[in-house]
Amino acid sequence: MMMTLVTGIIGIAGLATFLGFMLWWVKALPLIVIVVVVMLLLIYDFVHTLRYGNDSLRR
């Protein structure tokens, strides 16, 4: 679980940094909404993976 936590946080931080720079240069409202929704879904899935592992039956 610790490996999943550390690599997940590093990956999410890297993606958020990349998308943040992209949104800074491309200021389009639909793109901003899409990126925010996708990041929320990513964080939701990350928390569930940490909580339940890869067991998809308990989700």
PDB file of N, CA and C in Angstrom:
ATOM      1  N   MET A   1       0.806  -1.189   0.000  1.00  0.00           N
ATOM      2  CA  MET A   1       0.000   0.000   0.000  1.00  0.00           C
ATOM      3  C   MET A   1       0.857   1.263   0.000  1.00  0.00           C
ATOM      4  N   MET A   2       1.986   1.214   0.674  1.00  0.00           N
ATOM      5  CA  MET A   2       2.840   2.395   0.746  1.00  0.00           C
ATOM      6  C   MET A   2       3.394   2.751  -0.628  1.00  0.00           C
ATOM      7  N   MET A   3       3.733   1.746  -1.433  1.00  0.00           N
ATOM      8  CA  MET A   3       4.243   2.015  -2.774  1.00  0.00           C
ATOM      9  C   MET A   3       3.158   2.664  -3.629  1.00  0.00           C
ATOM     10  N   THR A   4       1.919   2.189  -3.501  1.00  0.00           N
ATOM     11  CA  THR A   4       0.804   2.767  -4.250  1.00  0.00           C
ATOM     12  C   THR A   4       0.571   4.214  -3.828  1.00  0.00           C
ATOM     13  N   LEU A   5       0.664   4.487  -2.547  1.00  0.00           N
ATOM     14  CA  LEU A   5       0.465   5.843  -2.044  1.00  0.00           C
ATOM     15  C   LEU A   5       1.518   6.798  -2.592  1.00  0.00           C
ATOM     16  N   VAL A   6       2.779   6.433  -2.483  1.00  0.00           N
ATOM     17  CA  VAL A   6       3.864   7.321  -2.904  1.00  0.00           C
ATOM     18  C   VAL A   6       3.852   7.530  -4.414  1.00  0.00           C
ATOM     19  N   THR A   7       3.760   6.445  -5.169  1.00  0.00           N
ATOM     20  CA  THR A   7       3.768   6.601  -6.626  1.00  0.00           C
ATOM     21  C   THR A   7       2.514   7.305  -7.118  1.00  0.00           C
ATOM     22  N   GLY A   8       1.390   7.085  -6.459  1.00  0.00           N
ATOM     23  CA  GLY A   8       0.159   7.773  -6.842  1.00  0.00           C
ATOM     24  C   GLY A   8       0.247   9.273  -6.609  1.00  0.00           C
ATOM     25  N   ILE A   9       0.778   9.657  -5.470  1.00  0.00           N
ATOM     26  CA  ILE A   9       0.917  11.086  -5.168  1.00  0.00           C
ATOM     27  C   ILE A   9       1.889  11.745  -6.136  1.00  0.00           C
ATOM     28  N   ILE A  10       2.997  11.075  -6.441  1.00  0.00           N
ATOM     29  CA  ILE A  10       3.958  11.630  -7.396  1.00  0.00           C
ATOM     30  C   ILE A  10       3.320  11.764  -8.779  1.00  0.00           C
ATOM     31  N   GLY A  11       2.585  10.753  -9.192  1.00  0.00           N
ATOM     32  CA  GLY A  11       1.941  10.795 -10.503  1.00  0.00           C
ATOM     33  C   GLY A  11       0.863  11.857 -10.593  1.00  0.00           C
ATOM     34  N   ILE A  12       0.042  11.964  -9.563  1.00  0.00           N
ATOM     35  CA  ILE A  12      -1.019  12.974  -9.564  1.00  0.00           C
ATOM     36  C   ILE A  12      -0.410  14.375  -9.527  1.00  0.00           C
ATOM     37  N   ALA A  13       0.634  14.563  -8.752  1.00  0.00           N
ATOM     38  CA  ALA A  13       1.286  15.878  -8.695  1.00  0.00           C
ATOM     39  C   ALA A  13       1.909  16.240 -10.043  1.00  0.00           C
ATOM     40  N   GLY A  14       2.534  15.268 -10.699  1.00  0.00           N
ATOM     41  CA  GLY A  14       3.117  15.533 -12.014  1.00  0.00           C
ATOM     42  C   GLY A  14       2.060  15.879 -13.050  1.00  0.00           C
ATOM     43  N   LEU A  15       0.964  15.135 -13.042  1.00  0.00           N
ATOM     44  CA  LEU A  15      -0.122  15.415 -13.981  1.00  0.00           C
ATOM     45  C   LEU A  15      -0.756  16.766 -13.696  1.00  0.00           C
ATOM     46  N   ALA A  16      -0.975  17.074 -12.432  1.00  0.00           N
ATOM     47  CA  ALA A  16      -1.572  18.364 -12.075  1.00  0.00           C
ATOM     48  C   ALA A  16      -0.660  19.520 -12.477  1.00  0.00           C
ATOM     49  N   THR A  17       0.641  19.350 -12.325  1.00  0.00           N
ATOM     50  CA  THR A  17       1.586  20.388 -12.740  1.00  0.00           C
ATOM     51  C   THR A  17       1.537  20.597 -14.250  1.00  0.00           C
ATOM     52  N   PHE A  18       1.574  19.512 -14.996  1.00  0.00           N
ATOM     53  CA  PHE A  18       1.522  19.601 -16.448  1.00  0.00           C
ATOM     54  C   PHE A  18       0.221  20.257 -16.914  1.00  0.00           C
ATOM     55  N   LEU A  19      -0.917  19.791 -16.366  1.00  0.00           N
ATOM     56  CA  LEU A  19      -2.197  20.350 -16.787  1.00  0.00           C
ATOM     57  C   LEU A  19      -2.353  21.793 -16.318  1.00  0.00           C
ATOM     58  N   GLY A  20      -1.776  22.124 -15.188  1.00  0.00           N
ATOM     59  CA  GLY A  20      -1.821  23.512 -14.719  1.00  0.00           C
ATOM     60  C   GLY A  20      -1.105  24.445 -15.662  1.00  0.00           C
ATOM     61  N   PHE A  21       0.094  24.055 -16.129  1.00  0.00           N
ATOM     62  CA  PHE A  21       0.808  24.874 -17.109  1.00  0.00           C
ATOM     63  C   PHE A  21       0.038  24.964 -18.418  1.00  0.00           C
ATOM     64  N   MET A  22      -0.558  23.845 -18.834  1.00  0.00           N
ATOM     65  CA  MET A  22      -1.322  23.851 -20.078  1.00  0.00           C
ATOM     66  C   MET A  22      -2.530  24.775 -19.965  1.00  0.00           C
ATOM     67  N   LEU A  23      -3.239  24.716 -18.838  1.00  0.00           N
ATOM     68  CA  LEU A  23      -4.402  25.572 -18.668  1.00  0.00           C
ATOM     69  C   LEU A  23      -4.024  27.036 -18.505  1.00  0.00           C
ATOM     70  N   TRP A  24      -2.825  27.289 -18.018  1.00  0.00           N
ATOM     71  CA  TRP A  24      -2.354  28.672 -17.898  1.00  0.00           C
ATOM     72  C   TRP A  24      -2.193  29.304 -19.278  1.00  0.00           C
ATOM     73  N   TRP A  25      -1.735  28.507 -20.257  1.00  0.00           N
ATOM     74  CA  TRP A  25      -1.525  29.029 -21.610  1.00  0.00           C
ATOM     75  C   TRP A  25      -2.781  28.952 -22.472  1.00  0.00           C
ATOM     76  N   VAL A  26      -3.582  27.917 -22.312  1.00  0.00           N
ATOM     77  CA  VAL A  26      -4.803  27.750 -23.097  1.00  0.00           C
ATOM     78  C   VAL A  26      -5.981  28.020 -22.166  1.00  0.00           C
ATOM     79  N   LYS A  27      -6.445  29.229 -22.158  1.00  0.00           N
ATOM     80  CA  LYS A  27      -7.501  29.625 -21.221  1.00  0.00           C
ATOM     81  C   LYS A  27      -8.871  29.484 -21.885  1.00  0.00           C
ATOM     82  N   ALA A  28      -9.292  28.242 -22.038  1.00  0.00           N
ATOM     83  CA  ALA A  28     -10.602  27.952 -22.611  1.00  0.00           C
ATOM     84  C   ALA A  28     -11.475  27.314 -21.521  1.00  0.00           C
ATOM     85  N   LEU A  29     -12.627  27.886 -21.291  1.00  0.00           N
ATOM     86  CA  LEU A  29     -13.490  27.414 -20.211  1.00  0.00           C
ATOM     87  C   LEU A  29     -13.887  25.947 -20.336  1.00  0.00           C
ATOM     88  N   PRO A  30     -14.263  25.445 -21.529  1.00  0.00           N
ATOM     89  CA  PRO A  30     -14.605  24.019 -21.603  1.00  0.00           C
ATOM     90  C   PRO A  30     -13.435  23.103 -21.238  1.00  0.00           C
ATOM     91  N   LEU A  31     -12.226  23.489 -21.634  1.00  0.00           N
ATOM     92  CA  LEU A  31     -11.049  22.693 -21.290  1.00  0.00           C
ATOM     93  C   LEU A  31     -10.805  22.711 -19.788  1.00  0.00           C
ATOM     94  N   ILE A  32     -10.993  23.845 -19.160  1.00  0.00           N
ATOM     95  CA  ILE A  32     -10.804  23.951 -17.713  1.00  0.00           C
ATOM     96  C   ILE A  32     -11.802  23.066 -16.973  1.00  0.00           C
ATOM     97  N   VAL A  33     -13.060  23.090 -17.405  1.00  0.00           N
ATOM     98  CA  VAL A  33     -14.090  22.260 -16.768  1.00  0.00           C
ATOM     99  C   VAL A  33     -13.758  20.779 -16.928  1.00  0.00           C
ATOM    100  N   ILE A  34     -13.348  20.380 -18.126  1.00  0.00           N
ATOM    101  CA  ILE A  34     -13.003  18.979 -18.376  1.00  0.00           C
ATOM    102  C   ILE A  34     -11.836  18.539 -17.505  1.00  0.00           C
ATOM    103  N   VAL A  35     -10.804  19.356 -17.426  1.00  0.00           N
ATOM    104  CA  VAL A  35      -9.623  18.998 -16.635  1.00  0.00           C
ATOM    105  C   VAL A  35      -9.975  18.897 -15.152  1.00  0.00           C
ATOM    106  N   VAL A  36     -10.779  19.800 -14.648  1.00  0.00           N
ATOM    107  CA  VAL A  36     -11.160  19.761 -13.231  1.00  0.00           C
ATOM    108  C   VAL A  36     -11.974  18.501 -12.931  1.00  0.00           C
ATOM    109  N   VAL A  37     -12.937  18.183 -13.800  1.00  0.00           N
ATOM    110  CA  VAL A  37     -13.762  16.986 -13.581  1.00  0.00           C
ATOM    111  C   VAL A  37     -12.902  15.725 -13.642  1.00  0.00           C
ATOM    112  N   VAL A  38     -11.999  15.648 -14.595  1.00  0.00           N
ATOM    113  CA  VAL A  38     -11.138  14.468 -14.728  1.00  0.00           C
ATOM    114  C   VAL A  38     -10.198  14.343 -13.531  1.00  0.00           C
ATOM    115  N   MET A  39      -9.677  15.452 -13.028  1.00  0.00           N
ATOM    116  CA  MET A  39      -8.806  15.388 -11.852  1.00  0.00           C
ATOM    117  C   MET A  39      -9.592  14.935 -10.614  1.00  0.00           C
ATOM    118  N   LEU A  40     -10.831  15.382 -10.485  1.00  0.00           N
ATOM    119  CA  LEU A  40     -11.651  14.922  -9.363  1.00  0.00           C
ATOM    120  C   LEU A  40     -11.934  13.422  -9.455  1.00  0.00           C
ATOM    121  N   LEU A  41     -12.224  12.938 -10.655  1.00  0.00           N
ATOM    122  CA  LEU A  41     -12.425  11.501 -10.835  1.00  0.00           C
ATOM    123  C   LEU A  41     -11.147  10.716 -10.545  1.00  0.00           C
ATOM    124  N   LEU A  42     -10.002  11.272 -10.940  1.00  0.00           N
ATOM    125  CA  LEU A  42      -8.713  10.623 -10.683  1.00  0.00           C
ATOM    126  C   LEU A  42      -8.461  10.509  -9.185  1.00  0.00           C
ATOM    127  N   ILE A  43      -8.702  11.574  -8.456  1.00  0.00           N
ATOM    128  CA  ILE A  43      -8.484  11.557  -7.009  1.00  0.00           C
ATOM    129  C   ILE A  43      -9.476  10.611  -6.324  1.00  0.00           C
ATOM    130  N   TYR A  44     -10.722  10.604  -6.774  1.00  0.00           N
ATOM    131  CA  TYR A  44     -11.726   9.687  -6.229  1.00  0.00           C
ATOM    132  C   TYR A  44     -11.302   8.232  -6.426  1.00  0.00           C
ATOM    133  N   ASP A  45     -10.850   7.905  -7.623  1.00  0.00           N
ATOM    134  CA  ASP A  45     -10.408   6.535  -7.894  1.00  0.00           C
ATOM    135  C   ASP A  45      -9.153   6.185  -7.101  1.00  0.00           C
ATOM    136  N   PHE A  46      -8.259   7.138  -6.931  1.00  0.00           N
ATOM    137  CA  PHE A  46      -7.036   6.913  -6.164  1.00  0.00           C
ATOM    138  C   PHE A  46      -7.363   6.587  -4.708  1.00  0.00           C
ATOM    139  N   VAL A  47      -8.288   7.319  -4.121  1.00  0.00           N
ATOM    140  CA  VAL A  47      -8.678   7.075  -2.733  1.00  0.00           C
ATOM    141  C   VAL A  47      -9.326   5.701  -2.596  1.00  0.00           C
ATOM    142  N   HIS A  48     -10.180   5.341  -3.552  1.00  0.00           N
ATOM    143  CA  HIS A  48     -10.819   4.026  -3.489  1.00  0.00           C
ATOM    144  C   HIS A  48      -9.810   2.899  -3.693  1.00  0.00           C
ATOM    145  N   THR A  49      -8.832   3.113  -4.535  1.00  0.00           N
ATOM    146  CA  THR A  49      -7.799   2.098  -4.723  1.00  0.00           C
ATOM    147  C   THR A  49      -6.971   1.936  -3.455  1.00  0.00           C
ATOM    148  N   LEU A  50      -6.674   3.031  -2.791  1.00  0.00           N
ATOM    149  CA  LEU A  50      -5.939   2.925  -1.526  1.00  0.00           C
ATOM    150  C   LEU A  50      -6.778   2.220  -0.465  1.00  0.00           C
ATOM    151  N   ARG A  51      -8.062   2.502  -0.440  1.00  0.00           N
ATOM    152  CA  ARG A  51      -8.929   1.942   0.584  1.00  0.00           C
ATOM    153  C   ARG A  51      -9.213   0.457   0.365  1.00  0.00           C
ATOM    154  N   TYR A  52      -9.528   0.075  -0.873  1.00  0.00           N
ATOM    155  CA  TYR A  52      -9.974  -1.287  -1.149  1.00  0.00           C
ATOM    156  C   TYR A  52      -8.988  -2.110  -1.973  1.00  0.00           C
ATOM    157  N   GLY A  53      -7.907  -1.541  -2.438  1.00  0.00           N
ATOM    158  CA  GLY A  53      -6.981  -2.255  -3.307  1.00  0.00           C
ATOM    159  C   GLY A  53      -7.563  -2.370  -4.699  1.00  0.00           C
ATOM    160  N   ASN A  54      -7.176  -3.390  -5.397  1.00  0.00           N
ATOM    161  CA  ASN A  54      -7.664  -3.586  -6.764  1.00  0.00           C
ATOM    162  C   ASN A  54      -8.894  -4.473  -6.814  1.00  0.00           C
ATOM    163  N   ASP A  55      -9.531  -4.694  -5.682  1.00  0.00           N
ATOM    164  CA  ASP A  55     -10.724  -5.518  -5.606  1.00  0.00           C
ATOM    165  C   ASP A  55     -11.915  -4.729  -6.108  1.00  0.00           C
ATOM    166  N   SER A  56     -12.319  -4.956  -7.334  1.00  0.00           N
ATOM    167  CA  SER A  56     -13.384  -4.165  -7.939  1.00  0.00           C
ATOM    168  C   SER A  56     -14.769  -4.553  -7.439  1.00  0.00           C
ATOM    169  N   LEU A  57     -14.915  -5.675  -6.735  1.00  0.00           N
ATOM    170  CA  LEU A  57     -16.221  -6.089  -6.250  1.00  0.00           C
ATOM    171  C   LEU A  57     -16.691  -5.228  -5.072  1.00  0.00           C
ATOM    172  N   ARG A  58     -15.779  -4.676  -4.342  1.00  0.00           N
ATOM    173  CA  ARG A  58     -16.135  -3.894  -3.154  1.00  0.00           C
ATOM    174  C   ARG A  58     -16.362  -2.423  -3.482  1.00  0.00           C
ATOM    175  N   ARG A  59     -16.174  -2.030  -4.706  1.00  0.00           N
ATOM    176  CA  ARG A  59     -16.330  -0.609  -5.067  1.00  0.00           C
ATOM    177  C   ARG A  59     -17.748  -0.257  -5.240  1.00  0.00           C
TER     178      ARG A  59
END
